[in-house]
C-alpha atoms as a PDB file:
ATOM      1  CA  MET A   1     106.686  75.311  73.242  1.00  0.00           C
ATOM      2  CA  GLY A   2     108.517  73.495  76.166  1.00  0.00           C
ATOM      3  CA  SER A   3     110.326  76.642  77.089  1.00  0.00           C
ATOM      4  CA  ARG A   4     106.886  78.742  76.924  1.00  0.00           C
ATOM      5  CA  LYS A   5     105.255  76.004  79.317  1.00  0.00           C
ATOM      6  CA  THR A   6     108.309  76.288  81.592  1.00  0.00           C
ATOM      7  CA  LYS A   7     108.406  80.127  81.616  1.00  0.00           C
ATOM      8  CA  PHE A   8     104.758  80.213  82.428  1.00  0.00           C
ATOM      9  CA  ARG A   9     104.937  77.992  85.016  1.00  0.00           C
ATOM     10  CA  THR A  10     107.808  79.888  86.498  1.00  0.00           C
ATOM     11  CA  LEU A  11     105.689  82.901  86.242  1.00  0.00           C
ATOM     12  CA  LEU A  12     102.952  81.524  88.065  1.00  0.00           C
ATOM     13  CA  PHE A  13     104.957  80.217  90.931  1.00  0.00           C
ATOM     14  CA  LEU A  14     106.797  83.782  91.392  1.00  0.00           C
ATOM     15  CA  LEU A  15     103.214  85.459  91.488  1.00  0.00           C
ATOM     16  CA  SER A  16     101.503  83.205  93.548  1.00  0.00           C
ATOM     17  CA  PRO A  17     102.574  84.794  96.943  1.00  0.00           C
ATOM     18  CA  LEU A  18     101.610  88.044  95.374  1.00  0.00           C
ATOM     19  CA  LEU A  19      98.090  86.874  94.132  1.00  0.00           C
ATOM     20  CA  PHE A  20      97.684  85.213  97.727  1.00  0.00           C
ATOM     21  CA  SER A  21      98.510  88.492  99.233  1.00  0.00           C
ATOM     22  CA  ALA A  22      96.161  90.302  97.002  1.00  0.00           C
ATOM     23  CA  LEU A  23      93.228  88.078  97.812  1.00  0.00           C
ATOM     24  CA  VAL A  24      93.745  88.138 101.692  1.00  0.00           C
ATOM     25  CA  SER A  25      94.341  92.025 101.659  1.00  0.00           C
ATOM     26  CA  SER A  26      91.281  92.759  99.464  1.00  0.00           C
ATOM     27  CA  TYR A  27      89.137  90.195 101.641  1.00  0.00           C
ATOM     28  CA  LEU A  28      90.330  92.096 104.968  1.00  0.00           C
ATOM     29  CA  ILE A  29      89.872  95.739 103.310  1.00  0.00           C
ATOM     30  CA  VAL A  30      86.540  95.099 102.074  1.00  0.00           C
ATOM     31  CA  SER A  31      85.024  93.434 105.396  1.00  0.00           C
ATOM     32  CA  ILE A  32      86.534  95.917 107.520  1.00  0.00           C
ATOM     33  CA  ALA A  33      84.974  98.584 105.058  1.00  0.00           C
ATOM     34  CA  SER A  34      81.896  96.773 104.728  1.00  0.00           C
ATOM     35  CA  LYS A  35      81.666  96.753 108.802  1.00  0.00           C
ATOM     36  CA  GLU A  36      82.127 100.565 108.830  1.00  0.00           C
ATOM     37  CA  LEU A  37      79.513 101.206 106.338  1.00  0.00           C
ATOM     38  CA  GLN A  38      77.169  98.933 108.097  1.00  0.00           C
ATOM     39  CA  SER A  39      77.698 100.645 111.309  1.00  0.00           C
ATOM     40  CA  GLN A  40      77.262 104.133 109.821  1.00  0.00           C
ATOM     41  CA  ALA A  41      74.115 103.106 107.862  1.00  0.00           C
ATOM     42  CA  ASN A  42      72.450 101.959 111.249  1.00  0.00           C
ATOM     43  CA  ARG A  43      73.561 105.455 112.938  1.00  0.00           C
ATOM     44  CA  PHE A  44      72.299 107.430 110.013  1.00  0.00           C
ATOM     45  CA  GLY A  45      68.875 105.380 109.528  1.00  0.00           C
ATOM     46  CA  GLN A  46      68.092 105.542 113.017  1.00  0.00           C
ATOM     47  CA  GLY A  47      69.060 109.251 113.566  1.00  0.00           C
ATOM     48  CA  VAL A  48      66.885 110.135 110.435  1.00  0.00           C
ATOM     49  CA  THR A  49      64.007 108.144 111.929  1.00  0.00           C
ATOM     50  CA  ASP A  50      64.510 109.814 115.493  1.00  0.00           C
ATOM     51  CA  HIS A  51      64.355 113.386 113.630  1.00  0.00           C
ATOM     52  CA  LEU A  52      61.482 112.321 111.635  1.00  0.00           C
ATOM     53  CA  ALA A  53      59.347 111.293 115.012  1.00  0.00           C
ATOM     54  CA  ILE A  54      60.288 114.871 116.173  1.00  0.00           C
ATOM     55  CA  SER A  55      58.876 116.286 113.004  1.00  0.00           C
ATOM     56  CA  VAL A  56      55.732 114.344 112.659  1.00  0.00           C
ATOM     57  CA  LEU A  57      54.616 115.237 115.943  1.00  0.00           C
ATOM     58  CA  ASP A  58      52.474 118.520 115.916  1.00  0.00           C
ATOM     59  CA  HIS A  59      50.659 116.913 112.468  1.00  0.00           C
ATOM     60  CA  LEU A  60      50.307 113.860 114.186  1.00  0.00           C
ATOM     61  CA  ILE A  61      48.338 115.492 116.790  1.00  0.00           C
ATOM     62  CA  ALA A  62      46.462 117.544 114.438  1.00  0.00           C
ATOM     63  CA  ASN A  63      45.766 114.419 112.252  1.00  0.00           C
ATOM     64  CA  ASP A  64      47.118 116.456 109.482  1.00  0.00           C
ATOM     65  CA  ARG A  65      47.346 113.806 106.890  1.00  0.00           C
ATOM     66  CA  LEU A  66      48.451 115.939 103.987  1.00  0.00           C
ATOM     67  CA  SER A  67      51.512 117.703 106.039  1.00  0.00           C
ATOM     68  CA  LEU A  68      52.295 114.048 107.042  1.00  0.00           C
ATOM     69  CA  ASN A  69      52.492 112.754 103.492  1.00  0.00           C
ATOM     70  CA  VAL A  70      54.542 115.847 102.184  1.00  0.00           C
ATOM     71  CA  LEU A  71      57.175 115.152 104.894  1.00  0.00           C
ATOM     72  CA  LEU A  72      57.454 111.717 103.957  1.00  0.00           C
ATOM     73  CA  ALA A  73      57.622 112.053 100.492  1.00  0.00           C
ATOM     74  CA  GLU A  74      60.521 114.817 101.208  1.00  0.00           C
ATOM     75  CA  LEU A  75      62.268 112.093 102.694  1.00  0.00           C
ATOM     76  CA  MET A  76      61.909 109.740  99.704  1.00  0.00           C
ATOM     77  CA  LYS A  77      63.624 112.265  97.825  1.00  0.00           C
ATOM     78  CA  LYS A  78      66.758 111.637  99.486  1.00  0.00           C
ATOM     79  CA  ASP A  79      67.209 108.211  97.712  1.00  0.00           C
ATOM     80  CA  ASN A  80      68.413 106.867 101.001  1.00  0.00           C
ATOM     81  CA  PHE A  81      65.019 105.504 101.899  1.00  0.00           C
ATOM     82  CA  ASP A  82      62.268 103.577  99.896  1.00  0.00           C
ATOM     83  CA  TYR A  83      59.663 103.544 102.841  1.00  0.00           C
ATOM     84  CA  ALA A  84      58.399 105.590 105.437  1.00  0.00           C
ATOM     85  CA  SER A  85      54.836 105.433 107.420  1.00  0.00           C
ATOM     86  CA  VAL A  86      53.160 107.079 110.222  1.00  0.00           C
ATOM     87  CA  LEU A  87      50.907 105.046 112.658  1.00  0.00           C
ATOM     88  CA  ASP A  88      48.760 106.499 115.411  1.00  0.00           C
ATOM     89  CA  SER A  89      48.621 105.068 119.271  1.00  0.00           C
ATOM     90  CA  SER A  90      46.685 102.415 117.976  1.00  0.00           C
ATOM     91  CA  GLY A  91      49.118 101.386 115.375  1.00  0.00           C
ATOM     92  CA  ASN A  92      46.556 102.061 112.692  1.00  0.00           C
ATOM     93  CA  LEU A  93      48.142 103.504 109.521  1.00  0.00           C
ATOM     94  CA  VAL A  94      48.037 107.660 109.187  1.00  0.00           C
ATOM     95  CA  ALA A  95      50.376 108.413 106.262  1.00  0.00           C
ATOM     96  CA  GLN A  96      52.769 106.087 104.028  1.00  0.00           C
ATOM     97  CA  ALA A  97      55.458 107.119 101.545  1.00  0.00           C
ATOM     98  CA  GLY A  98      57.133 104.298  99.100  1.00  0.00           C
ATOM     99  CA  ARG A  99      56.690 100.629  99.420  1.00  0.00           C
ATOM    100  CA  ARG A 100      58.112  98.396 101.904  1.00  0.00           C
ATOM    101  CA  SER A 101      60.976  96.241 100.247  1.00  0.00           C
ATOM    102  CA  PRO A 102      62.015  92.823 101.697  1.00  0.00           C
ATOM    103  CA  ASN A 103      65.758  93.892 101.147  1.00  0.00           C
ATOM    104  CA  SER A 104      65.472  97.268 103.313  1.00  0.00           C
ATOM    105  CA  ARG A 105      66.467  97.715 106.749  1.00  0.00           C
ATOM    106  CA  MET A 106      63.607  98.916 109.216  1.00  0.00           C
ATOM    107  CA  PHE A 107      64.015 101.174 111.669  1.00  0.00           C
ATOM    108  CA  SER A 108      61.220 102.853 113.770  1.00  0.00           C
ATOM    109  CA  GLN A 109      60.808 105.451 116.758  1.00  0.00           C
ATOM    110  CA  GLN A 110      57.849 106.264 119.119  1.00  0.00           C
ATOM    111  CA  VAL A 111      56.301 109.788 118.730  1.00  0.00           C
ATOM    112  CA  THR A 112      55.837 111.149 122.335  1.00  0.00           C
ATOM    113  CA  PHE A 113      54.022 114.023 123.839  1.00  0.00           C
ATOM    114  CA  GLN A 114      54.537 114.827 127.430  1.00  0.00           C
ATOM    115  CA  ASP A 115      55.434 111.455 128.245  1.00  0.00           C
ATOM    116  CA  SER A 116      52.127 110.128 126.219  1.00  0.00           C
ATOM    117  CA  VAL A 117      53.091 107.925 123.199  1.00  0.00           C
ATOM    118  CA  MET A 118      51.147 109.408 120.500  1.00  0.00           C
ATOM    119  CA  GLY A 119      52.235 106.813 117.736  1.00  0.00           C
ATOM    120  CA  ALA A 120      55.160 106.017 115.867  1.00  0.00           C
ATOM    121  CA  VAL A 121      57.255 106.288 112.750  1.00  0.00           C
ATOM    122  CA  GLN A 122      58.954 103.531 110.734  1.00  0.00           C
ATOM    123  CA  THR A 123      61.489 103.894 107.645  1.00  0.00           C
ATOM    124  CA  GLY A 124      62.980 101.417 105.334  1.00  0.00           C
ATOM    125  CA  PHE A 125      66.854 102.062 104.504  1.00  0.00           C
ATOM    126  CA  ARG A 126      68.053 101.051 101.307  1.00  0.00           C
ATOM    127  CA  THR A 127      70.692  98.289 101.566  1.00  0.00           C
ATOM    128  CA  ASP A 128      71.164  97.959  97.612  1.00  0.00           C
ATOM    129  CA  MET A 129      72.956 101.457  97.641  1.00  0.00           C
ATOM    130  CA  LEU A 130      75.036 100.217 100.839  1.00  0.00           C
ATOM    131  CA  ASN A 131      75.856  96.900  98.932  1.00  0.00           C
ATOM    132  CA  SER A 132      76.503  98.631  95.828  1.00  0.00           C
ATOM    133  CA  ARG A 133      79.072 100.622  97.463  1.00  0.00           C
ATOM    134  CA  ILE A 134      80.670  97.657  98.939  1.00  0.00           C
ATOM    135  CA  ASN A 135      80.764  96.006  95.524  1.00  0.00           C
ATOM    136  CA  GLY A 136      82.621  98.962  94.253  1.00  0.00           C
ATOM    137  CA  LEU A 137      85.453  98.924  96.808  1.00  0.00           C
ATOM    138  CA  LEU A 138      85.725  95.055  96.159  1.00  0.00           C
ATOM    139  CA  ILE A 139      86.037  95.957  92.275  1.00  0.00           C
ATOM    140  CA  VAL A 140      88.590  98.592  92.801  1.00  0.00           C
ATOM    141  CA  CYS A 141      90.863  96.599  95.540  1.00  0.00           C
ATOM    142  CA  LEU A 142      90.784  93.317  92.945  1.00  0.00           C
ATOM    143  CA  SER A 143      91.395  95.856  89.887  1.00  0.00           C
ATOM    144  CA  ALA A 144      94.170  97.638  91.925  1.00  0.00           C
ATOM    145  CA  HIS A 145      95.780  94.222  92.679  1.00  0.00           C
ATOM    146  CA  ALA A 146      95.326  92.932  89.333  1.00  0.00           C
ATOM    147  CA  LEU A 147      97.258  95.876  87.881  1.00  0.00           C
ATOM    148  CA  LEU A 148     100.048  95.417  90.304  1.00  0.00           C
ATOM    149  CA  ILE A 149     100.421  91.776  89.152  1.00  0.00           C
ATOM    150  CA  ALA A 150     100.350  92.374  85.554  1.00  0.00           C
ATOM    151  CA  ILE A 151     103.078  94.878  86.085  1.00  0.00           C
ATOM    152  CA  VAL A 152     105.162  92.810  88.082  1.00  0.00           C
ATOM    153  CA  GLY A 153     104.130  89.863  85.809  1.00  0.00           C
ATOM    154  CA  PHE A 154     105.234  91.795  82.702  1.00  0.00           C
ATOM    155  CA  LEU A 155     108.400  92.820  84.429  1.00  0.00           C
ATOM    156  CA  ILE A 156     109.275  88.977  85.303  1.00  0.00           C
ATOM    157  CA  TYR A 157     108.348  88.103  81.727  1.00  0.00           C
ATOM    158  CA  CYS A 158     110.231  90.651  80.090  1.00  0.00           C
ATOM    159  CA  TYR A 159     113.190  91.245  82.426  1.00  0.00           C
ATOM    160  CA  GLY A 160     113.540  87.621  84.530  1.00  0.00           C
ATOM    161  CA  ASP A 161     116.191  86.451  82.166  1.00  0.00           C
ATOM    162  CA  LEU A 162     118.455  89.178  82.320  1.00  0.00           C
ATOM    163  CA  ILE A 163     117.906  89.313  86.150  1.00  0.00           C
ATOM    164  CA  TYR A 164     118.935  85.627  86.348  1.00  0.00           C
ATOM    165  CA  LEU A 165     121.907  86.002  84.124  1.00  0.00           C
ATOM    166  CA  LEU A 166     122.956  89.082  86.296  1.00  0.00           C
ATOM    167  CA  VAL A 167     122.788  86.880  89.079  1.00  0.00           C
ATOM    168  CA  ALA A 168     124.390  84.178  87.777  1.00  0.00           C
ATOM    169  CA  LEU A 169     127.430  86.451  86.307  1.00  0.00           C
ATOM    170  CA  LYS A 170     127.578  87.803  89.649  1.00  0.00           C
ATOM    171  CA  HIS A 171     127.851  84.268  90.982  1.00  0.00           C
ATOM    172  CA  SER A 172     130.490  83.369  88.502  1.00  0.00           C
ATOM    173  CA  VAL A 173     132.590  85.897  89.399  1.00  0.00           C
ATOM    174  CA  THR A 174     132.857  85.919  93.293  1.00  0.00           C
ATOM    175  CA  THR A 175     132.600  82.275  93.668  1.00  0.00           C
ATOM    176  CA  LYS A 176     135.555  81.302  91.406  1.00  0.00           C
ATOM    177  CA  LYS A 177     137.836  78.856  93.123  1.00  0.00           C
ATOM    178  CA  THR A 178     141.302  80.419  94.191  1.00  0.00           C
ATOM    179  CA  PRO A 179     143.789  78.954  96.560  1.00  0.00           C
ATOM    180  CA  SER A 180     142.975  79.941  99.785  1.00  0.00           C
ATOM    181  CA  SER A 181     146.788  81.443 100.816  1.00  0.00           C
ATOM    182  CA  THR A 182     146.501  83.664  97.838  1.00  0.00           C
ATOM    183  CA  ALA A 183     143.097  84.673  97.584  1.00  0.00           C
ATOM    184  CA  GLU A 184     143.437  88.163  99.627  1.00  0.00           C
ATOM    185  CA  LYS A 185     146.405  89.070  97.614  1.00  0.00           C
ATOM    186  CA  VAL A 186     144.159  88.651  94.454  1.00  0.00           C
ATOM    187  CA  PHE A 187     141.587  90.938  95.854  1.00  0.00           C
ATOM    188  CA  ASP A 188     143.847  93.247  97.380  1.00  0.00           C
ATOM    189  CA  GLU A 189     146.148  93.977  94.468  1.00  0.00           C
ATOM    190  CA  PRO A 190     144.595  95.566  91.440  1.00  0.00           C
ATOM    191  CA  ALA A 191     144.675  93.689  88.073  1.00  0.00           C
ATOM    192  CA  MET A 192     147.743  94.337  86.040  1.00  0.00           C
ATOM    193  CA  GLU A 193     146.276  93.494  82.562  1.00  0.00           C
ATOM    194  CA  ARG A 194     144.041  95.071  80.454  1.00  0.00           C
ATOM    195  CA  THR A 195     141.889  93.236  77.687  1.00  0.00           C
ATOM    196  CA  PHE A 196     141.016  94.716  74.707  1.00  0.00           C
ATOM    197  CA  LEU A 197     137.991  93.762  72.608  1.00  0.00           C
ATOM    198  CA  VAL A 198     136.997  95.564  68.948  1.00  0.00           C
ATOM    199  CA  LEU A 199     133.854  95.158  67.599  1.00  0.00           C
ATOM    200  CA  LYS A 200     133.045  96.132  63.628  1.00  0.00           C
ATOM    201  CA  LEU A 201     129.634  96.355  62.709  1.00  0.00           C
ATOM    202  CA  ARG A 202     128.946  95.930  58.806  1.00  0.00           C
ATOM    203  CA  PRO A 203     127.667  97.761  56.954  1.00  0.00           C
ATOM    204  CA  ALA A 204     128.924 100.487  59.214  1.00  0.00           C
ATOM    205  CA  ARG A 205     126.011 102.831  58.451  1.00  0.00           C
ATOM    206  CA  LEU A 206     123.892 100.861  60.637  1.00  0.00           C
ATOM    207  CA  LEU A 207     126.017 101.225  63.873  1.00  0.00           C
ATOM    208  CA  ALA A 208     124.565 104.279  65.335  1.00  0.00           C
ATOM    209  CA  LYS A 209     120.985 102.594  64.993  1.00  0.00           C
ATOM    210  CA  ASN A 210     122.258  99.325  66.984  1.00  0.00           C
ATOM    211  CA  LEU A 211     124.588 101.351  69.370  1.00  0.00           C
ATOM    212  CA  PRO A 212     122.356 101.357  72.263  1.00  0.00           C
ATOM    213  CA  LYS A 213     121.600  97.553  72.245  1.00  0.00           C
ATOM    214  CA  ILE A 214     125.473  97.018  71.677  1.00  0.00           C
ATOM    215  CA  ARG A 215     125.926  98.969  74.723  1.00  0.00           C
ATOM    216  CA  GLN A 216     123.326  97.542  76.932  1.00  0.00           C
ATOM    217  CA  ALA A 217     124.901  93.970  76.168  1.00  0.00           C
ATOM    218  CA  ILE A 218     128.172  95.103  77.002  1.00  0.00           C
ATOM    219  CA  SER A 219     127.194  97.023  80.288  1.00  0.00           C
ATOM    220  CA  LEU A 220     126.157  93.774  81.561  1.00  0.00           C
ATOM    221  CA  TYR A 221     129.423  92.601  81.757  1.00  0.00           C
ATOM    222  CA  GLY A 222     131.432  95.686  82.931  1.00  0.00           C
ATOM    223  CA  GLY A 223     132.975  96.771  79.761  1.00  0.00           C
ATOM    224  CA  ARG A 224     133.900 100.342  78.746  1.00  0.00           C
ATOM    225  CA  VAL A 225     132.600 101.335  75.252  1.00  0.00           C
ATOM    226  CA  GLU A 226     134.631 103.658  72.965  1.00  0.00           C
ATOM    227  CA  GLN A 227     133.591 104.510  69.448  1.00  0.00           C
ATOM    228  CA  VAL A 228     136.563 104.936  67.359  1.00  0.00           C
ATOM    229  CA  GLY A 229     135.403 105.499  63.646  1.00  0.00           C
ATOM    230  CA  ASP A 230     133.348 103.093  62.752  1.00  0.00           C
ATOM    231  CA  ASP A 231     134.300 100.628  65.166  1.00  0.00           C
ATOM    232  CA  LEU A 232     134.161 100.005  68.706  1.00  0.00           C
ATOM    233  CA  LEU A 233     136.656  99.533  71.229  1.00  0.00           C
ATOM    234  CA  VAL A 234     135.769  98.061  74.416  1.00  0.00           C
ATOM    235  CA  THR A 235     138.117  97.857  77.306  1.00  0.00           C
ATOM    236  CA  PHE A 236     138.116  95.269  80.727  1.00  0.00           C
ATOM    237  CA  ASP A 237     140.201  96.050  83.845  1.00  0.00           C
ATOM    238  CA  GLN A 238     138.452  93.725  86.076  1.00  0.00           C
ATOM    239  CA  ALA A 239     139.670  90.461  87.760  1.00  0.00           C
ATOM    240  CA  ASN A 240     137.683  88.163  85.724  1.00  0.00           C
ATOM    241  CA  GLN A 241     137.980  90.225  82.207  1.00  0.00           C
ATOM    242  CA  LEU A 242     138.912  87.902  79.971  1.00  0.00           C
ATOM    243  CA  PHE A 243     135.674  86.113  80.896  1.00  0.00           C
ATOM    244  CA  GLN A 244     133.730  89.082  80.591  1.00  0.00           C
ATOM    245  CA  ALA A 245     135.529  90.102  77.231  1.00  0.00           C
ATOM    246  CA  VAL A 246     134.377  86.717  75.541  1.00  0.00           C
ATOM    247  CA  CYS A 247     130.803  86.889  77.273  1.00  0.00           C
ATOM    248  CA  SER A 248     130.664  90.562  75.537  1.00  0.00           C
ATOM    249  CA  GLY A 249     132.119  89.135  72.077  1.00  0.00           C
ATOM    250  CA  LEU A 250     129.980  86.184  72.249  1.00  0.00           C
ATOM    251  CA  LEU A 251     126.893  88.129  72.829  1.00  0.00           C
ATOM    252  CA  THR A 252     127.343  91.050  70.543  1.00  0.00           C
ATOM    253  CA  ILE A 253     127.576  88.223  67.831  1.00  0.00           C
ATOM    254  CA  GLU A 254     124.407  86.434  68.796  1.00  0.00           C
ATOM    255  CA  LEU A 255     122.677  89.490  68.862  1.00  0.00           C
ATOM    256  CA  PHE A 256     122.756  89.856  64.857  1.00  0.00           C
ATOM    257  CA  SER A 257     123.047  85.963  64.340  1.00  0.00           C
ATOM    258  CA  ASN A 258     119.526  86.055  62.382  1.00  0.00           C
ATOM    259  CA  SER A 259     120.096  89.443  60.798  1.00  0.00           C
ATOM    260  CA  ASN A 260     121.981  90.715  58.001  1.00  0.00           C
ATOM    261  CA  ILE A 261     124.381  92.557  59.983  1.00  0.00           C
ATOM    262  CA  GLN A 262     127.984  91.347  60.224  1.00  0.00           C
ATOM    263  CA  ILE A 263     129.884  91.264  63.514  1.00  0.00           C
ATOM    264  CA  LYS A 264     133.731  91.215  63.143  1.00  0.00           C
ATOM    265  CA  ALA A 265     135.220  90.812  66.659  1.00  0.00           C
ATOM    266  CA  ALA A 266     138.537  90.258  68.204  1.00  0.00           C
ATOM    267  CA  LEU A 267     140.135  89.790  71.582  1.00  0.00           C
ATOM    268  CA  HIS A 268     143.889  90.464  73.035  1.00  0.00           C
ATOM    269  CA  GLN A 269     145.371  91.667  76.170  1.00  0.00           C
ATOM    270  CA  ALA A 270     148.118  93.667  77.576  1.00  0.00           C
ATOM    271  CA  ARG A 271     149.875  92.141  80.242  1.00  0.00           C
ATOM    272  CA  ASP A 272     150.954  95.394  82.212  1.00  0.00           C
ATOM    273  CA  VAL A 273     148.822  98.518  82.279  1.00  0.00           C
ATOM    274  CA  LYS A 274     151.751 100.609  83.086  1.00  0.00           C
ATOM    275  CA  ASP A 275     153.525 100.075  80.017  1.00  0.00           C
ATOM    276  CA  ASN A 276     151.702 102.493  77.808  1.00  0.00           C
ATOM    277  CA  GLU A 277     153.669 101.346  74.698  1.00  0.00           C
ATOM    278  CA  ALA A 278     152.441  97.957  75.275  1.00  0.00           C
ATOM    279  CA  VAL A 279     148.982  98.633  76.020  1.00  0.00           C
ATOM    280  CA  GLU A 280     148.949 101.095  72.565  1.00  0.00           C
ATOM    281  CA  LYS A 281     150.672  97.849  71.070  1.00  0.00           C
ATOM    282  CA  ALA A 282     148.003  95.308  72.315  1.00  0.00           C
ATOM    283  CA  ARG A 283     144.725  97.766  71.061  1.00  0.00           C
ATOM    284  CA  LYS A 284     146.321  97.929  67.744  1.00  0.00           C
ATOM    285  CA  HIS A 285     147.064  94.482  67.406  1.00  0.00           C
ATOM    286  CA  THR A 286     143.192  93.718  68.811  1.00  0.00           C
ATOM    287  CA  SER A 287     141.896  95.937  65.820  1.00  0.00           C
ATOM    288  CA  TYR A 288     144.329  93.964  63.370  1.00  0.00           C
ATOM    289  CA  LEU A 289     142.958  90.705  64.273  1.00  0.00           C
ATOM    290  CA  ALA A 290     139.148  92.122  63.754  1.00  0.00           C
ATOM    291  CA  SER A 291     140.034  93.087  60.378  1.00  0.00           C
ATOM    292  CA  MET A 292     140.747  89.551  59.716  1.00  0.00           C
ATOM    293  CA  ALA A 293     137.575  88.222  61.244  1.00  0.00           C
ATOM    294  CA  GLU A 294     134.244  87.483  59.217  1.00  0.00           C
ATOM    295  CA  GLN A 295     131.484  86.991  61.187  1.00  0.00           C
ATOM    296  CA  SER A 296     133.437  85.087  63.683  1.00  0.00           C
ATOM    297  CA  PHE A 297     135.261  86.097  67.152  1.00  0.00           C
ATOM    298  CA  LEU A 298     139.259  86.046  67.106  1.00  0.00           C
ATOM    299  CA  THR A 299     142.157  86.031  69.072  1.00  0.00           C
ATOM    300  CA  SER A 300     145.679  85.765  69.714  1.00  0.00           C
ATOM    301  CA  LYS A 301     147.552  82.997  70.804  1.00  0.00           C
ATOM    302  CA  GLN A 302     148.701  84.533  74.070  1.00  0.00           C
ATOM    303  CA  VAL A 303     145.040  84.768  74.803  1.00  0.00           C
ATOM    304  CA  ALA A 304     144.119  81.351  73.849  1.00  0.00           C
ATOM    305  CA  THR A 305     146.770  79.952  76.024  1.00  0.00           C
ATOM    306  CA  LEU A 306     145.106  81.967  79.170  1.00  0.00           C
ATOM    307  CA  LEU A 307     141.810  80.520  78.085  1.00  0.00           C
ATOM    308  CA  GLN A 308     143.049  77.168  77.918  1.00  0.00           C
ATOM    309  CA  THR A 309     144.801  77.381  81.216  1.00  0.00           C
ATOM    310  CA  ALA A 310     141.615  78.855  82.848  1.00  0.00           C
ATOM    311  CA  ASP A 311     139.817  75.315  81.808  1.00  0.00           C
ATOM    312  CA  LYS A 312     142.026  73.166  83.241  1.00  0.00           C
ATOM    313  CA  LYS A 313     142.432  75.012  86.595  1.00  0.00           C
ATOM    314  CA  SER A 314     138.490  75.571  87.165  1.00  0.00           C
ATOM    315  CA  ASP A 315     135.250  74.306  85.888  1.00  0.00           C
ATOM    316  CA  ALA A 316     133.613  77.898  86.025  1.00  0.00           C
ATOM    317  CA  GLU A 317     134.377  78.501  82.436  1.00  0.00           C
ATOM    318  CA  LYS A 318     134.838  76.336  79.226  1.00  0.00           C
ATOM    319  CA  TYR A 319     135.609  78.173  76.221  1.00  0.00           C
ATOM    320  CA  GLN A 320     135.660  76.467  72.881  1.00  0.00           C
ATOM    321  CA  LEU A 321     138.781  77.307  70.658  1.00  0.00           C
ATOM    322  CA  THR A 322     139.583  76.314  67.107  1.00  0.00           C
ATOM    323  CA  ASP A 323     142.612  77.155  64.874  1.00  0.00           C
ATOM    324  CA  PHE A 324     142.130  80.183  62.273  1.00  0.00           C
ATOM    325  CA  HIS A 325     143.819  79.583  59.205  1.00  0.00           C
ATOM    326  CA  SER A 326     144.456  82.673  56.998  1.00  0.00           C
ATOM    327  CA  THR A 327     147.107  83.612  54.287  1.00  0.00           C
ATOM    328  CA  MET A 328     147.648  87.025  56.519  1.00  0.00           C
ATOM    329  CA  THR A 329     148.604  85.317  59.802  1.00  0.00           C
ATOM    330  CA  PRO A 330     151.295  82.074  60.593  1.00  0.00           C
ATOM    331  CA  ASP A 331     149.309  79.105  61.627  1.00  0.00           C
ATOM    332  CA  GLY A 332     149.017  78.627  65.040  1.00  0.00           C
ATOM    333  CA  GLU A 333     149.401  82.077  66.053  1.00  0.00           C
ATOM    334  CA  VAL A 334     145.458  82.772  65.564  1.00  0.00           C
ATOM    335  CA  TYR A 335     142.586  81.375  67.163  1.00  0.00           C
ATOM    336  CA  MET A 336     138.872  81.513  66.690  1.00  0.00           C
ATOM    337  CA  ILE A 337     136.394  81.407  69.975  1.00  0.00           C
ATOM    338  CA  THR A 338     133.361  79.654  68.814  1.00  0.00           C
ATOM    339  CA  GLY A 339     131.571  79.769  72.347  1.00  0.00           C
ATOM    340  CA  LEU A 340     131.438  78.793  75.874  1.00  0.00           C
ATOM    341  CA  GLU A 341     130.253  75.156  76.866  1.00  0.00           C
ATOM    342  CA  ASN A 342     127.065  76.657  78.320  1.00  0.00           C
ATOM    343  CA  GLN A 343     126.095  79.008  75.460  1.00  0.00           C
ATOM    344  CA  ALA A 344     122.591  78.757  76.695  1.00  0.00           C
ATOM    345  CA  LEU A 345     123.056  82.144  78.971  1.00  0.00           C
ATOM    346  CA  ILE A 346     124.415  83.974  75.817  1.00  0.00           C
ATOM    347  CA  LYS A 347     121.382  82.969  73.684  1.00  0.00           C
ATOM    348  CA  ALA A 348     118.910  83.729  76.546  1.00  0.00           C
ATOM    349  CA  GLN A 349     120.462  87.248  77.034  1.00  0.00           C
ATOM    350  CA  ALA A 350     120.417  87.865  73.239  1.00  0.00           C
ATOM    351  CA  LEU A 351     116.774  87.126  73.272  1.00  0.00           C
ATOM    352  CA  THR A 352     116.024  89.097  76.297  1.00  0.00           C
ATOM    353  CA  LEU A 353     117.761  92.257  74.534  1.00  0.00           C
ATOM    354  CA  ASN A 354     116.422  91.605  71.107  1.00  0.00           C
ATOM    355  CA  ASP A 355     112.759  91.509  72.683  1.00  0.00           C
ATOM    356  CA  GLN A 356     113.557  94.626  74.495  1.00  0.00           C
ATOM    357  CA  SER A 357     114.462  96.704  71.206  1.00  0.00           C
ATOM    358  CA  LEU A 358     111.395  95.754  69.339  1.00  0.00           C
END
């Protein structure tokens, strides 16, 4: 429960700038659009009123009340106005259509003939329609931003751990401590070693179904996956290949820790990639070690020594190793990798990948 609360708080923290931007931009958009709509409404209402003043002139002079009422009734059919009236020169009501509403915006114009004021017209523009359009625009803006926030929030919630782990892995690789005098040589010269990781999924009939998830997990650490029969051969050539191979094996095992699927994993290394015979021998030895594993992760004494040496030289990785005892191999020649000191990253990665595959 605590982790969910932490994740929810983190999500709120990351989405706060986007939420603030959504509110501010929605306010600005609606404010600018509201002013423009108000300005257009004023021009439209006054323009219609001016035109009405010209249209009623002849009927007002002839005191043709019937024609005046017809003109006003036609105006009411446009639904933009809820009131219209014609007054004579004394201010007396001559014709009227609709009822004056407190929320209506009133427009008026004098009716003139040969520089003489013959009367006036008044119109009431419906502001409820204007307010409805402004509210509709506000709803559209907020809905669009809400959808954007929901999408970003969903991506952060589902893939946040994965992004964090990728950044953490990159940081771990690039910040690994090396003596300043030899740092340039390490990066200038290609790695001479090649690390092999063999994964055996049992029952083998489920390999095809779970292969995409396994490939995605291994791709996080730069491994090249090759299917050999019912087994997977993963190759690592990077400078930090041992760490990446260990993480790949532990992550694959963790992916299926709560299922009926068994993962047999093994790790070995060829010291010289130019020696084809040694490379092939290392690959076969890795497959042999994997055949002895039972829901465990085995490695050779050679690799175990390298991992233990790495622990002493740097605090970047801490490997947990134990002796492996079997009648098929002499004691002290095979070790079991049980995890990293910071196994939480591996568990978080497995949880994220399993959630994506549901």
